[in-house]
PDB file of N, CA and C in Angstrom:
ATOM      1  N   UNK A   1      -4.094  60.482   3.546  1.00  0.00           N
ATOM      2  CA  UNK A   1      -5.129  61.508   3.408  1.00  0.00           C
ATOM      3  C   UNK A   1      -6.397  60.850   2.860  1.00  0.00           C
ATOM      4  N   UNK A   2      -7.466  60.907   3.628  1.00  0.00           N
ATOM      5  CA  UNK A   2      -8.708  60.226   3.258  1.00  0.00           C
ATOM      6  C   UNK A   2      -9.711  61.222   2.679  1.00  0.00           C
ATOM      7  N   UNK A   3      -9.368  61.845   1.585  1.00  0.00           N
ATOM      8  CA  UNK A   3     -10.223  62.854   0.957  1.00  0.00           C
ATOM      9  C   UNK A   3     -11.225  62.180   0.032  1.00  0.00           C
ATOM     10  N   UNK A   4     -12.510  62.443   0.249  1.00  0.00           N
ATOM     11  CA  UNK A   4     -13.541  61.858  -0.598  1.00  0.00           C
ATOM     12  C   UNK A   4     -13.509  62.502  -1.973  1.00  0.00           C
ATOM     13  N   UNK A   5     -13.910  61.744  -2.963  1.00  0.00           N
ATOM     14  CA  UNK A   5     -13.932  62.264  -4.332  1.00  0.00           C
ATOM     15  C   UNK A   5     -14.880  63.454  -4.444  1.00  0.00           C
ATOM     16  N   UNK A   6     -16.064  63.322  -3.856  1.00  0.00           N
ATOM     17  CA  UNK A   6     -17.033  64.419  -3.865  1.00  0.00           C
ATOM     18  C   UNK A   6     -17.406  64.762  -2.437  1.00  0.00           C
ATOM     19  N   UNK A   7     -17.712  66.029  -2.209  1.00  0.00           N
ATOM     20  CA  UNK A   7     -18.193  66.451  -0.902  1.00  0.00           C
ATOM     21  C   UNK A   7     -19.590  65.862  -0.694  1.00  0.00           C
ATOM     22  N   UNK A   8     -19.878  65.512   0.550  1.00  0.00           N
ATOM     23  CA  UNK A   8     -21.164  64.899   0.876  1.00  0.00           C
ATOM     24  C   UNK A   8     -22.064  65.934   1.541  1.00  0.00           C
ATOM     25  N   UNK A   9     -23.274  66.064   1.003  1.00  0.00           N
ATOM     26  CA  UNK A   9     -24.274  66.982   1.542  1.00  0.00           C
ATOM     27  C   UNK A   9     -25.420  66.150   2.104  1.00  0.00           C
ATOM     28  N   UNK A  10     -25.753  66.365   3.370  1.00  0.00           N
ATOM     29  CA  UNK A  10     -26.910  65.730   3.992  1.00  0.00           C
ATOM     30  C   UNK A  10     -28.071  66.711   3.925  1.00  0.00           C
ATOM     31  N   UNK A  11     -29.175  66.281   3.310  1.00  0.00           N
ATOM     32  CA  UNK A  11     -30.365  67.135   3.200  1.00  0.00           C
ATOM     33  C   UNK A  11     -31.445  66.569   4.110  1.00  0.00           C
ATOM     34  N   UNK A  12     -32.000  67.444   4.955  1.00  0.00           N
ATOM     35  CA  UNK A  12     -33.031  67.039   5.909  1.00  0.00           C
ATOM     36  C   UNK A  12     -34.286  67.858   5.647  1.00  0.00           C
ATOM     37  N   UNK A  13     -35.349  67.196   5.185  1.00  0.00           N
ATOM     38  CA  UNK A  13     -36.612  67.900   4.924  1.00  0.00           C
ATOM     39  C   UNK A  13     -37.729  66.873   4.853  1.00  0.00           C
ATOM     40  N   UNK A  14     -38.862  67.197   5.452  1.00  0.00           N
ATOM     41  CA  UNK A  14     -39.999  66.273   5.418  1.00  0.00           C
ATOM     42  C   UNK A  14     -40.809  66.415   4.131  1.00  0.00           C
ATOM     43  N   UNK A  15     -40.468  67.386   3.298  1.00  0.00           N
ATOM     44  CA  UNK A  15     -41.140  67.589   2.011  1.00  0.00           C
ATOM     45  C   UNK A  15     -40.402  66.777   0.940  1.00  0.00           C
ATOM     46  N   UNK A  16     -40.993  65.640   0.560  1.00  0.00           N
ATOM     47  CA  UNK A  16     -40.319  64.731  -0.376  1.00  0.00           C
ATOM     48  C   UNK A  16     -40.061  65.375  -1.730  1.00  0.00           C
ATOM     49  N   UNK A  17     -40.965  66.226  -2.184  1.00  0.00           N
ATOM     50  CA  UNK A  17     -40.774  66.904  -3.473  1.00  0.00           C
ATOM     51  C   UNK A  17     -39.560  67.838  -3.399  1.00  0.00           C
ATOM     52  N   UNK A  18     -39.413  68.535  -2.285  1.00  0.00           N
ATOM     53  CA  UNK A  18     -38.262  69.427  -2.134  1.00  0.00           C
ATOM     54  C   UNK A  18     -36.963  68.622  -2.023  1.00  0.00           C
ATOM     55  N   UNK A  19     -37.000  67.497  -1.316  1.00  0.00           N
ATOM     56  CA  UNK A  19     -35.813  66.635  -1.243  1.00  0.00           C
ATOM     57  C   UNK A  19     -35.359  66.239  -2.639  1.00  0.00           C
ATOM     58  N   UNK A  20     -36.315  65.830  -3.473  1.00  0.00           N
ATOM     59  CA  UNK A  20     -35.986  65.430  -4.846  1.00  0.00           C
ATOM     60  C   UNK A  20     -35.424  66.604  -5.640  1.00  0.00           C
ATOM     61  N   UNK A  21     -36.053  67.772  -5.496  1.00  0.00           N
ATOM     62  CA  UNK A  21     -35.598  68.965  -6.222  1.00  0.00           C
ATOM     63  C   UNK A  21     -34.175  69.338  -5.806  1.00  0.00           C
ATOM     64  N   UNK A  22     -33.906  69.290  -4.507  1.00  0.00           N
ATOM     65  CA  UNK A  22     -32.565  69.612  -4.016  1.00  0.00           C
ATOM     66  C   UNK A  22     -31.540  68.606  -4.525  1.00  0.00           C
ATOM     67  N   UNK A  23     -31.922  67.337  -4.529  1.00  0.00           N
ATOM     68  CA  UNK A  23     -30.998  66.329  -5.034  1.00  0.00           C
ATOM     69  C   UNK A  23     -30.685  66.576  -6.510  1.00  0.00           C
ATOM     70  N   UNK A  24     -31.696  66.914  -7.286  1.00  0.00           N
ATOM     71  CA  UNK A  24     -31.467  67.209  -8.709  1.00  0.00           C
ATOM     72  C   UNK A  24     -30.548  68.413  -8.880  1.00  0.00           C
ATOM     73  N   UNK A  25     -30.718  69.424  -8.032  1.00  0.00           N
ATOM     74  CA  UNK A  25     -29.872  70.622  -8.114  1.00  0.00           C
ATOM     75  C   UNK A  25     -28.409  70.305  -7.796  1.00  0.00           C
ATOM     76  N   UNK A  26     -28.190  69.338  -6.901  1.00  0.00           N
ATOM     77  CA  UNK A  26     -26.845  69.087  -6.378  1.00  0.00           C
ATOM     78  C   UNK A  26     -26.163  67.870  -6.976  1.00  0.00           C
ATOM     79  N   UNK A  27     -26.952  66.960  -7.557  1.00  0.00           N
ATOM     80  CA  UNK A  27     -26.387  65.713  -8.081  1.00  0.00           C
ATOM     81  C   UNK A  27     -25.331  66.007  -9.141  1.00  0.00           C
ATOM     82  N   UNK A  28     -24.295  65.221  -9.153  1.00  0.00           N
ATOM     83  CA  UNK A  28     -23.206  65.439 -10.101  1.00  0.00           C
ATOM     84  C   UNK A  28     -22.087  66.240  -9.467  1.00  0.00           C
ATOM     85  N   UNK A  29     -22.461  67.314  -8.788  1.00  0.00           N
ATOM     86  CA  UNK A  29     -21.462  68.167  -8.132  1.00  0.00           C
ATOM     87  C   UNK A  29     -21.100  67.629  -6.747  1.00  0.00           C
ATOM     88  N   UNK A  30     -22.096  67.075  -6.058  1.00  0.00           N
ATOM     89  CA  UNK A  30     -21.902  66.561  -4.698  1.00  0.00           C
ATOM     90  C   UNK A  30     -22.538  65.182  -4.571  1.00  0.00           C
ATOM     91  N   UNK A  31     -22.109  64.454  -3.547  1.00  0.00           N
ATOM     92  CA  UNK A  31     -22.816  63.238  -3.168  1.00  0.00           C
ATOM     93  C   UNK A  31     -23.921  63.665  -2.214  1.00  0.00           C
ATOM     94  N   UNK A  32     -25.146  63.248  -2.479  1.00  0.00           N
ATOM     95  CA  UNK A  32     -26.296  63.695  -1.695  1.00  0.00           C
ATOM     96  C   UNK A  32     -26.857  62.535  -0.871  1.00  0.00           C
ATOM     97  N   UNK A  33     -27.083  62.804   0.413  1.00  0.00           N
ATOM     98  CA  UNK A  33     -27.747  61.855   1.307  1.00  0.00           C
ATOM     99  C   UNK A  33     -29.006  62.562   1.805  1.00  0.00           C
ATOM    100  N   UNK A  34     -30.168  61.897   1.665  1.00  0.00           N
ATOM    101  CA  UNK A  34     -31.437  62.535   2.035  1.00  0.00           C
ATOM    102  C   UNK A  34     -32.098  61.796   3.189  1.00  0.00           C
ATOM    103  N   UNK A  35     -32.623  62.568   4.138  1.00  0.00           N
ATOM    104  CA  UNK A  35     -33.434  62.009   5.218  1.00  0.00           C
ATOM    105  C   UNK A  35     -34.649  62.919   5.419  1.00  0.00           C
ATOM    106  N   UNK A  36     -35.714  62.369   6.045  1.00  0.00           N
ATOM    107  CA  UNK A  36     -36.968  63.113   6.131  1.00  0.00           C
ATOM    108  C   UNK A  36     -37.278  63.670   7.517  1.00  0.00           C
ATOM    109  N   UNK A  37     -36.396  63.445   8.494  1.00  0.00           N
ATOM    110  CA  UNK A  37     -36.644  64.069   9.799  1.00  0.00           C
ATOM    111  C   UNK A  37     -35.341  64.227  10.576  1.00  0.00           C
ATOM    112  N   UNK A  38     -35.421  64.994  11.651  1.00  0.00           N
ATOM    113  CA  UNK A  38     -34.237  65.322  12.432  1.00  0.00           C
ATOM    114  C   UNK A  38     -33.597  64.134  13.122  1.00  0.00           C
ATOM    115  N   UNK A  39     -34.416  63.204  13.607  1.00  0.00           N
ATOM    116  CA  UNK A  39     -33.848  62.023  14.275  1.00  0.00           C
ATOM    117  C   UNK A  39     -32.986  61.225  13.303  1.00  0.00           C
ATOM    118  N   UNK A  40     -33.498  61.029  12.082  1.00  0.00           N
ATOM    119  CA  UNK A  40     -32.723  60.336  11.045  1.00  0.00           C
ATOM    120  C   UNK A  40     -31.456  61.122  10.728  1.00  0.00           C
ATOM    121  N   UNK A  41     -31.579  62.441  10.708  1.00  0.00           N
ATOM    122  CA  UNK A  41     -30.441  63.302  10.375  1.00  0.00           C
ATOM    123  C   UNK A  41     -29.306  63.126  11.374  1.00  0.00           C
ATOM    124  N   UNK A  42     -29.637  63.089  12.660  1.00  0.00           N
ATOM    125  CA  UNK A  42     -28.611  62.948  13.700  1.00  0.00           C
ATOM    126  C   UNK A  42     -27.913  61.592  13.551  1.00  0.00           C
ATOM    127  N   UNK A  43     -28.704  60.542  13.366  1.00  0.00           N
ATOM    128  CA  UNK A  43     -28.136  59.195  13.206  1.00  0.00           C
ATOM    129  C   UNK A  43     -27.260  59.140  11.946  1.00  0.00           C
ATOM    130  N   UNK A  44     -27.757  59.711  10.860  1.00  0.00           N
ATOM    131  CA  UNK A  44     -27.013  59.712   9.595  1.00  0.00           C
ATOM    132  C   UNK A  44     -25.736  60.533   9.722  1.00  0.00           C
ATOM    133  N   UNK A  45     -25.817  61.680  10.403  1.00  0.00           N
ATOM    134  CA  UNK A  45     -24.625  62.504  10.586  1.00  0.00           C
ATOM    135  C   UNK A  45     -23.544  61.701  11.301  1.00  0.00           C
ATOM    136  N   UNK A  46     -23.936  61.008  12.341  1.00  0.00           N
ATOM    137  CA  UNK A  46     -22.987  60.215  13.132  1.00  0.00           C
ATOM    138  C   UNK A  46     -22.291  59.166  12.256  1.00  0.00           C
ATOM    139  N   UNK A  47     -23.041  58.533  11.355  1.00  0.00           N
ATOM    140  CA  UNK A  47     -22.498  57.458  10.516  1.00  0.00           C
ATOM    141  C   UNK A  47     -21.762  57.941   9.275  1.00  0.00           C
ATOM    142  N   UNK A  48     -22.268  58.989   8.644  1.00  0.00           N
ATOM    143  CA  UNK A  48     -21.745  59.426   7.341  1.00  0.00           C
ATOM    144  C   UNK A  48     -20.719  60.556   7.464  1.00  0.00           C
ATOM    145  N   UNK A  49     -20.881  61.418   8.469  1.00  0.00           N
ATOM    146  CA  UNK A  49     -20.043  62.606   8.635  1.00  0.00           C
ATOM    147  C   UNK A  49     -19.997  63.442   7.356  1.00  0.00           C
ATOM    148  N   UNK A  50     -21.163  63.950   6.933  1.00  0.00           N
ATOM    149  CA  UNK A  50     -21.197  64.757   5.708  1.00  0.00           C
ATOM    150  C   UNK A  50     -20.390  66.046   5.866  1.00  0.00           C
ATOM    151  N   UNK A  51     -20.066  66.647   4.739  1.00  0.00           N
ATOM    152  CA  UNK A  51     -19.295  67.890   4.749  1.00  0.00           C
ATOM    153  C   UNK A  51     -20.170  69.091   5.084  1.00  0.00           C
ATOM    154  N   UNK A  52     -21.490  68.961   4.820  1.00  0.00           N
ATOM    155  CA  UNK A  52     -22.409  70.061   5.082  1.00  0.00           C
ATOM    156  C   UNK A  52     -23.807  69.489   5.238  1.00  0.00           C
ATOM    157  N   UNK A  53     -24.612  70.138   6.079  1.00  0.00           N
ATOM    158  CA  UNK A  53     -26.003  69.732   6.291  1.00  0.00           C
ATOM    159  C   UNK A  53     -26.909  70.872   5.850  1.00  0.00           C
ATOM    160  N   UNK A  54     -27.914  70.539   5.046  1.00  0.00           N
ATOM    161  CA  UNK A  54     -28.980  71.483   4.700  1.00  0.00           C
ATOM    162  C   UNK A  54     -30.217  70.996   5.438  1.00  0.00           C
ATOM    163  N   UNK A  55     -30.788  71.820   6.307  1.00  0.00           N
ATOM    164  CA  UNK A  55     -31.951  71.366   7.061  1.00  0.00           C
ATOM    165  C   UNK A  55     -33.109  72.342   7.006  1.00  0.00           C
ATOM    166  N   UNK A  56     -34.294  71.773   6.914  1.00  0.00           N
ATOM    167  CA  UNK A  56     -35.520  72.537   7.076  1.00  0.00           C
ATOM    168  C   UNK A  56     -35.633  72.857   8.566  1.00  0.00           C
ATOM    169  N   UNK A  57     -36.473  73.816   8.930  1.00  0.00           N
ATOM    170  CA  UNK A  57     -36.675  74.102  10.351  1.00  0.00           C
ATOM    171  C   UNK A  57     -37.902  73.355  10.863  1.00  0.00           C
ATOM    172  N   UNK A  58     -39.028  73.503  10.159  1.00  0.00           N
ATOM    173  CA  UNK A  58     -40.292  72.933  10.628  1.00  0.00           C
ATOM    174  C   UNK A  58     -40.443  71.514  10.093  1.00  0.00           C
ATOM    175  N   UNK A  59     -40.280  70.538  11.002  1.00  0.00           N
ATOM    176  CA  UNK A  59     -40.404  69.122  10.642  1.00  0.00           C
ATOM    177  C   UNK A  59     -41.013  68.369  11.819  1.00  0.00           C
ATOM    178  N   UNK A  60     -41.671  67.254  11.545  1.00  0.00           N
ATOM    179  CA  UNK A  60     -42.190  66.433  12.647  1.00  0.00           C
ATOM    180  C   UNK A  60     -41.044  65.689  13.350  1.00  0.00           C
ATOM    181  N   UNK A  61     -41.313  65.138  14.495  1.00  0.00           N
ATOM    182  CA  UNK A  61     -40.376  64.346  15.307  1.00  0.00           C
ATOM    183  C   UNK A  61     -39.287  65.186  15.956  1.00  0.00           C
ATOM    184  N   UNK A  62     -38.450  65.837  15.155  1.00  0.00           N
ATOM    185  CA  UNK A  62     -37.405  66.709  15.696  1.00  0.00           C
ATOM    186  C   UNK A  62     -37.214  67.843  14.698  1.00  0.00           C
ATOM    187  N   UNK A  63     -37.431  69.078  15.153  1.00  0.00           N
ATOM    188  CA  UNK A  63     -37.311  70.201  14.215  1.00  0.00           C
ATOM    189  C   UNK A  63     -35.842  70.513  13.917  1.00  0.00           C
ATOM    190  N   UNK A  64     -35.637  71.417  12.974  1.00  0.00           N
ATOM    191  CA  UNK A  64     -34.290  71.758  12.541  1.00  0.00           C
ATOM    192  C   UNK A  64     -33.436  72.387  13.630  1.00  0.00           C
ATOM    193  N   UNK A  65     -34.076  73.055  14.570  1.00  0.00           N
ATOM    194  CA  UNK A  65     -33.342  73.705  15.656  1.00  0.00           C
ATOM    195  C   UNK A  65     -32.748  72.638  16.580  1.00  0.00           C
ATOM    196  N   UNK A  66     -33.576  71.680  16.982  1.00  0.00           N
ATOM    197  CA  UNK A  66     -33.099  70.584  17.840  1.00  0.00           C
ATOM    198  C   UNK A  66     -32.090  69.716  17.090  1.00  0.00           C
ATOM    199  N   UNK A  67     -32.354  69.485  15.810  1.00  0.00           N
ATOM    200  CA  UNK A  67     -31.437  68.704  14.967  1.00  0.00           C
ATOM    201  C   UNK A  67     -30.062  69.366  14.937  1.00  0.00           C
ATOM    202  N   UNK A  68     -30.037  70.671  14.732  1.00  0.00           N
ATOM    203  CA  UNK A  68     -28.783  71.423  14.693  1.00  0.00           C
ATOM    204  C   UNK A  68     -28.020  71.271  16.004  1.00  0.00           C
ATOM    205  N   UNK A  69     -28.722  71.430  17.120  1.00  0.00           N
ATOM    206  CA  UNK A  69     -28.072  71.298  18.436  1.00  0.00           C
ATOM    207  C   UNK A  69     -27.482  69.906  18.623  1.00  0.00           C
ATOM    208  N   UNK A  70     -28.241  68.883  18.227  1.00  0.00           N
ATOM    209  CA  UNK A  70     -27.780  67.497  18.410  1.00  0.00           C
ATOM    210  C   UNK A  70     -26.564  67.193  17.529  1.00  0.00           C
ATOM    211  N   UNK A  71     -26.587  67.670  16.288  1.00  0.00           N
ATOM    212  CA  UNK A  71     -25.452  67.436  15.388  1.00  0.00           C
ATOM    213  C   UNK A  71     -24.205  68.150  15.914  1.00  0.00           C
ATOM    214  N   UNK A  72     -24.376  69.351  16.431  1.00  0.00           N
ATOM    215  CA  UNK A  72     -23.225  70.089  16.959  1.00  0.00           C
ATOM    216  C   UNK A  72     -22.646  69.445  18.221  1.00  0.00           C
ATOM    217  N   UNK A  73     -23.454  68.660  18.940  1.00  0.00           N
ATOM    218  CA  UNK A  73     -22.921  67.896  20.073  1.00  0.00           C
ATOM    219  C   UNK A  73     -21.984  66.795  19.566  1.00  0.00           C
ATOM    220  N   UNK A  74     -22.330  66.207  18.421  1.00  0.00           N
ATOM    221  CA  UNK A  74     -21.507  65.159  17.815  1.00  0.00           C
ATOM    222  C   UNK A  74     -20.236  65.772  17.232  1.00  0.00           C
ATOM    223  N   UNK A  75     -20.399  66.897  16.540  1.00  0.00           N
ATOM    224  CA  UNK A  75     -19.285  67.540  15.837  1.00  0.00           C
ATOM    225  C   UNK A  75     -19.421  69.059  15.941  1.00  0.00           C
ATOM    226  N   UNK A  76     -18.693  69.681  16.867  1.00  0.00           N
ATOM    227  CA  UNK A  76     -18.790  71.136  17.041  1.00  0.00           C
ATOM    228  C   UNK A  76     -18.421  71.929  15.782  1.00  0.00           C
ATOM    229  N   UNK A  77     -17.705  71.298  14.828  1.00  0.00           N
ATOM    230  CA  UNK A  77     -17.330  71.984  13.586  1.00  0.00           C
ATOM    231  C   UNK A  77     -18.307  71.721  12.440  1.00  0.00           C
ATOM    232  N   UNK A  78     -19.417  71.061  12.715  1.00  0.00           N
ATOM    233  CA  UNK A  78     -20.392  70.759  11.657  1.00  0.00           C
ATOM    234  C   UNK A  78     -20.852  72.047  10.984  1.00  0.00           C
ATOM    235  N   UNK A  79     -20.991  71.962   9.668  1.00  0.00           N
ATOM    236  CA  UNK A  79     -21.480  73.108   8.892  1.00  0.00           C
ATOM    237  C   UNK A  79     -22.938  72.843   8.560  1.00  0.00           C
ATOM    238  N   UNK A  80     -23.824  73.656   9.131  1.00  0.00           N
ATOM    239  CA  UNK A  80     -25.261  73.456   8.978  1.00  0.00           C
ATOM    240  C   UNK A  80     -25.869  74.734   8.417  1.00  0.00           C
ATOM    241  N   UNK A  81     -26.662  74.571   7.359  1.00  0.00           N
ATOM    242  CA  UNK A  81     -27.346  75.695   6.720  1.00  0.00           C
ATOM    243  C   UNK A  81     -28.838  75.385   6.721  1.00  0.00           C
ATOM    244  N   UNK A  82     -29.632  76.345   7.160  1.00  0.00           N
ATOM    245  CA  UNK A  82     -31.079  76.169   7.181  1.00  0.00           C
ATOM    246  C   UNK A  82     -31.688  76.516   5.835  1.00  0.00           C
ATOM    247  N   UNK A  83     -32.722  75.766   5.479  1.00  0.00           N
ATOM    248  CA  UNK A  83     -33.526  76.075   4.291  1.00  0.00           C
ATOM    249  C   UNK A  83     -34.958  76.161   4.777  1.00  0.00           C
ATOM    250  N   UNK A  84     -35.559  77.347   4.666  1.00  0.00           N
ATOM    251  CA  UNK A  84     -36.892  77.511   5.229  1.00  0.00           C
ATOM    252  C   UNK A  84     -37.684  78.618   4.568  1.00  0.00           C
ATOM    253  N   UNK A  85     -38.985  78.484   4.648  1.00  0.00           N
ATOM    254  CA  UNK A  85     -39.877  79.560   4.230  1.00  0.00           C
ATOM    255  C   UNK A  85     -40.184  80.448   5.434  1.00  0.00           C
ATOM    256  N   UNK A  86     -39.707  80.031   6.605  1.00  0.00           N
ATOM    257  CA  UNK A  86     -40.014  80.732   7.858  1.00  0.00           C
ATOM    258  C   UNK A  86     -38.818  81.491   8.407  1.00  0.00           C
ATOM    259  N   UNK A  87     -37.996  82.054   7.533  1.00  0.00           N
ATOM    260  CA  UNK A  87     -36.771  82.689   8.028  1.00  0.00           C
ATOM    261  C   UNK A  87     -37.066  83.888   8.927  1.00  0.00           C
ATOM    262  N   UNK A  88     -38.158  84.587   8.662  1.00  0.00           N
ATOM    263  CA  UNK A  88     -38.472  85.751   9.502  1.00  0.00           C
ATOM    264  C   UNK A  88     -38.807  85.334  10.925  1.00  0.00           C
ATOM    265  N   UNK A  89     -39.621  84.295  11.065  1.00  0.00           N
ATOM    266  CA  UNK A  89     -40.063  83.906  12.402  1.00  0.00           C
ATOM    267  C   UNK A  89     -39.129  82.921  13.097  1.00  0.00           C
ATOM    268  N   UNK A  90     -38.498  82.007  12.357  1.00  0.00           N
ATOM    269  CA  UNK A  90     -37.715  80.944  12.995  1.00  0.00           C
ATOM    270  C   UNK A  90     -36.230  80.953  12.630  1.00  0.00           C
ATOM    271  N   UNK A  91     -35.854  81.730  11.634  1.00  0.00           N
ATOM    272  CA  UNK A  91     -34.460  81.732  11.184  1.00  0.00           C
ATOM    273  C   UNK A  91     -33.471  82.088  12.272  1.00  0.00           C
ATOM    274  N   UNK A  92     -33.804  83.087  13.074  1.00  0.00           N
ATOM    275  CA  UNK A  92     -32.915  83.525  14.151  1.00  0.00           C
ATOM    276  C   UNK A  92     -32.709  82.396  15.164  1.00  0.00           C
ATOM    277  N   UNK A  93     -33.768  81.629  15.428  1.00  0.00           N
ATOM    278  CA  UNK A  93     -33.654  80.501  16.361  1.00  0.00           C
ATOM    279  C   UNK A  93     -32.654  79.471  15.838  1.00  0.00           C
ATOM    280  N   UNK A  94     -32.681  79.238  14.536  1.00  0.00           N
ATOM    281  CA  UNK A  94     -31.772  78.262  13.942  1.00  0.00           C
ATOM    282  C   UNK A  94     -30.326  78.767  13.998  1.00  0.00           C
ATOM    283  N   UNK A  95     -30.138  80.037  13.709  1.00  0.00           N
ATOM    284  CA  UNK A  95     -28.794  80.641  13.804  1.00  0.00           C
ATOM    285  C   UNK A  95     -28.295  80.556  15.252  1.00  0.00           C
ATOM    286  N   UNK A  96     -29.170  80.870  16.205  1.00  0.00           N
ATOM    287  CA  UNK A  96     -28.794  80.792  17.621  1.00  0.00           C
ATOM    288  C   UNK A  96     -28.449  79.369  18.043  1.00  0.00           C
ATOM    289  N   UNK A  97     -29.059  78.378  17.389  1.00  0.00           N
ATOM    290  CA  UNK A  97     -28.774  76.971  17.689  1.00  0.00           C
ATOM    291  C   UNK A  97     -27.424  76.550  17.118  1.00  0.00           C
ATOM    292  N   UNK A  98     -26.900  77.342  16.149  1.00  0.00           N
ATOM    293  CA  UNK A  98     -25.578  77.043  15.617  1.00  0.00           C
ATOM    294  C   UNK A  98     -25.484  76.922  14.112  1.00  0.00           C
ATOM    295  N   UNK A  99     -26.592  77.127  13.402  1.00  0.00           N
ATOM    296  CA  UNK A  99     -26.527  77.099  11.934  1.00  0.00           C
ATOM    297  C   UNK A  99     -25.712  78.291  11.439  1.00  0.00           C
ATOM    298  N   UNK A 100     -25.045  78.095  10.307  1.00  0.00           N
ATOM    299  CA  UNK A 100     -24.184  79.141   9.751  1.00  0.00           C
ATOM    300  C   UNK A 100     -24.985  80.226   9.035  1.00  0.00           C
ATOM    301  N   UNK A 101     -26.072  79.812   8.391  1.00  0.00           N
ATOM    302  CA  UNK A 101     -26.797  80.727   7.518  1.00  0.00           C
ATOM    303  C   UNK A 101     -28.177  80.148   7.228  1.00  0.00           C
ATOM    304  N   UNK A 102     -29.080  81.007   6.743  1.00  0.00           N
ATOM    305  CA  UNK A 102     -30.417  80.580   6.331  1.00  0.00           C
ATOM    306  C   UNK A 102     -30.593  80.896   4.852  1.00  0.00           C
ATOM    307  N   UNK A 103     -31.071  79.914   4.107  1.00  0.00           N
ATOM    308  CA  UNK A 103     -31.462  80.144   2.717  1.00  0.00           C
ATOM    309  C   UNK A 103     -32.984  80.150   2.715  1.00  0.00           C
ATOM    310  N   UNK A 104     -33.554  81.251   2.256  1.00  0.00           N
ATOM    311  CA  UNK A 104     -35.004  81.365   2.281  1.00  0.00           C
ATOM    312  C   UNK A 104     -35.629  80.754   1.035  1.00  0.00           C
ATOM    313  N   UNK A 105     -36.686  79.961   1.251  1.00  0.00           N
ATOM    314  CA  UNK A 105     -37.460  79.402   0.132  1.00  0.00           C
ATOM    315  C   UNK A 105     -38.355  80.500  -0.398  1.00  0.00           C
ATOM    316  N   UNK A 106     -38.573  80.592  -1.678  1.00  0.00           N
ATOM    317  CA  UNK A 106     -37.922  79.842  -2.749  1.00  0.00           C
ATOM    318  C   UNK A 106     -36.530  80.415  -3.044  1.00  0.00           C
ATOM    319  N   UNK A 107     -35.659  79.590  -3.598  1.00  0.00           N
ATOM    320  CA  UNK A 107     -34.301  80.006  -3.905  1.00  0.00           C
ATOM    321  C   UNK A 107     -33.895  79.402  -5.242  1.00  0.00           C
ATOM    322  N   UNK A 108     -32.796  79.913  -5.786  1.00  0.00           N
ATOM    323  CA  UNK A 108     -32.304  79.392  -7.067  1.00  0.00           C
ATOM    324  C   UNK A 108     -31.187  78.383  -6.819  1.00  0.00           C
ATOM    325  N   UNK A 109     -30.905  77.572  -7.811  1.00  0.00           N
ATOM    326  CA  UNK A 109     -29.793  76.619  -7.721  1.00  0.00           C
ATOM    327  C   UNK A 109     -28.487  77.392  -7.506  1.00  0.00           C
ATOM    328  N   UNK A 110     -28.356  78.504  -8.210  1.00  0.00           N
ATOM    329  CA  UNK A 110     -27.135  79.316  -8.099  1.00  0.00           C
ATOM    330  C   UNK A 110     -26.914  79.779  -6.657  1.00  0.00           C
ATOM    331  N   UNK A 111     -27.965  80.268  -6.022  1.00  0.00           N
ATOM    332  CA  UNK A 111     -27.872  80.737  -4.631  1.00  0.00           C
ATOM    333  C   UNK A 111     -27.502  79.566  -3.708  1.00  0.00           C
ATOM    334  N   UNK A 112     -28.134  78.425  -3.915  1.00  0.00           N
ATOM    335  CA  UNK A 112     -27.864  77.243  -3.107  1.00  0.00           C
ATOM    336  C   UNK A 112     -26.393  76.838  -3.200  1.00  0.00           C
ATOM    337  N   UNK A 113     -25.888  76.734  -4.418  1.00  0.00           N
ATOM    338  CA  UNK A 113     -24.488  76.313  -4.637  1.00  0.00           C
ATOM    339  C   UNK A 113     -23.528  77.360  -4.068  1.00  0.00           C
ATOM    340  N   UNK A 114     -23.864  78.631  -4.230  1.00  0.00           N
ATOM    341  CA  UNK A 114     -23.033  79.719  -3.684  1.00  0.00           C
ATOM    342  C   UNK A 114     -22.842  79.557  -2.178  1.00  0.00           C
ATOM    343  N   UNK A 115     -23.947  79.335  -1.481  1.00  0.00           N
ATOM    344  CA  UNK A 115     -23.886  79.205  -0.023  1.00  0.00           C
ATOM    345  C   UNK A 115     -23.124  77.936   0.364  1.00  0.00           C
ATOM    346  N   UNK A 116     -23.410  76.830  -0.297  1.00  0.00           N
ATOM    347  CA  UNK A 116     -22.703  75.573   0.003  1.00  0.00           C
ATOM    348  C   UNK A 116     -21.203  75.752  -0.191  1.00  0.00           C
ATOM    349  N   UNK A 117     -20.813  76.313  -1.325  1.00  0.00           N
ATOM    350  CA  UNK A 117     -19.382  76.489  -1.631  1.00  0.00           C
ATOM    351  C   UNK A 117     -18.698  77.401  -0.621  1.00  0.00           C
ATOM    352  N   UNK A 118     -19.415  78.420  -0.166  1.00  0.00           N
ATOM    353  CA  UNK A 118     -18.849  79.343   0.819  1.00  0.00           C
ATOM    354  C   UNK A 118     -18.395  78.581   2.064  1.00  0.00           C
ATOM    355  N   UNK A 119     -19.190  77.618   2.514  1.00  0.00           N
ATOM    356  CA  UNK A 119     -18.845  76.895   3.741  1.00  0.00           C
ATOM    357  C   UNK A 119     -17.949  75.689   3.505  1.00  0.00           C
ATOM    358  N   UNK A 120     -17.991  75.110   2.329  1.00  0.00           N
ATOM    359  CA  UNK A 120     -17.120  73.970   2.056  1.00  0.00           C
ATOM    360  C   UNK A 120     -15.680  74.416   1.851  1.00  0.00           C
ATOM    361  N   UNK A 121     -15.460  75.660   1.443  1.00  0.00           N
ATOM    362  CA  UNK A 121     -14.104  76.150   1.218  1.00  0.00           C
ATOM    363  C   UNK A 121     -13.440  76.614   2.501  1.00  0.00           C
ATOM    364  N   UNK A 122     -14.235  76.857   3.545  1.00  0.00           N
ATOM    365  CA  UNK A 122     -13.668  77.338   4.811  1.00  0.00           C
ATOM    366  C   UNK A 122     -12.980  76.203   5.539  1.00  0.00           C
ATOM    367  N   UNK A 123     -11.827  76.491   6.060  1.00  0.00           N
ATOM    368  CA  UNK A 123     -11.094  75.518   6.879  1.00  0.00           C
ATOM    369  C   UNK A 123     -11.531  75.737   8.318  1.00  0.00           C
ATOM    370  N   UNK A 124     -11.900  74.665   9.055  1.00  0.00           N
ATOM    371  CA  UNK A 124     -12.332  74.868  10.450  1.00  0.00           C
ATOM    372  C   UNK A 124     -11.228  75.524  11.275  1.00  0.00           C
ATOM    373  N   UNK A 125     -11.631  76.418  12.160  1.00  0.00           N
ATOM    374  CA  UNK A 125     -10.655  77.127  13.002  1.00  0.00           C
ATOM    375  C   UNK A 125     -10.044  76.159  13.977  1.00  0.00           C
TER     376      UNK A 125
END
C-alpha cells in the first residue's frame, strides 16, 4: 500500500500573492504544490498525481476550464475544485468541464478546508 503521509494539493493560480496565501492556509495539513498556469498544472498533474487540484479559472496560457479538461483526460477520477471571483459568469463553465465545486473568492480557511476534506474523503466510484 503506497499511501502518502500527507495528501497532496496542487494549486493553480497566476496570482502569486494568492498562491502564497493558499499555501499558508494549507501548509502543515497537506503537502502543497504550486504552479502559475494551466500548462504547468497539466504537466505537474501527470508527474505528481496530487489528491486534489485547486484551480483559478481566469489565467494566461491555459484557463482553468481547459486545464480541468486536460487533467481529466489524464485521470478521469481527478478531483478538481475551482477558486474564482468569477463564479457567477464562469463557474458553470468550470463545473461543466468537470470540476466538482466552486469556491468563491474571498473565502475563509475553514471553508477551503471543508471543501477539500469533502472530496478527499470520497472514495472514487
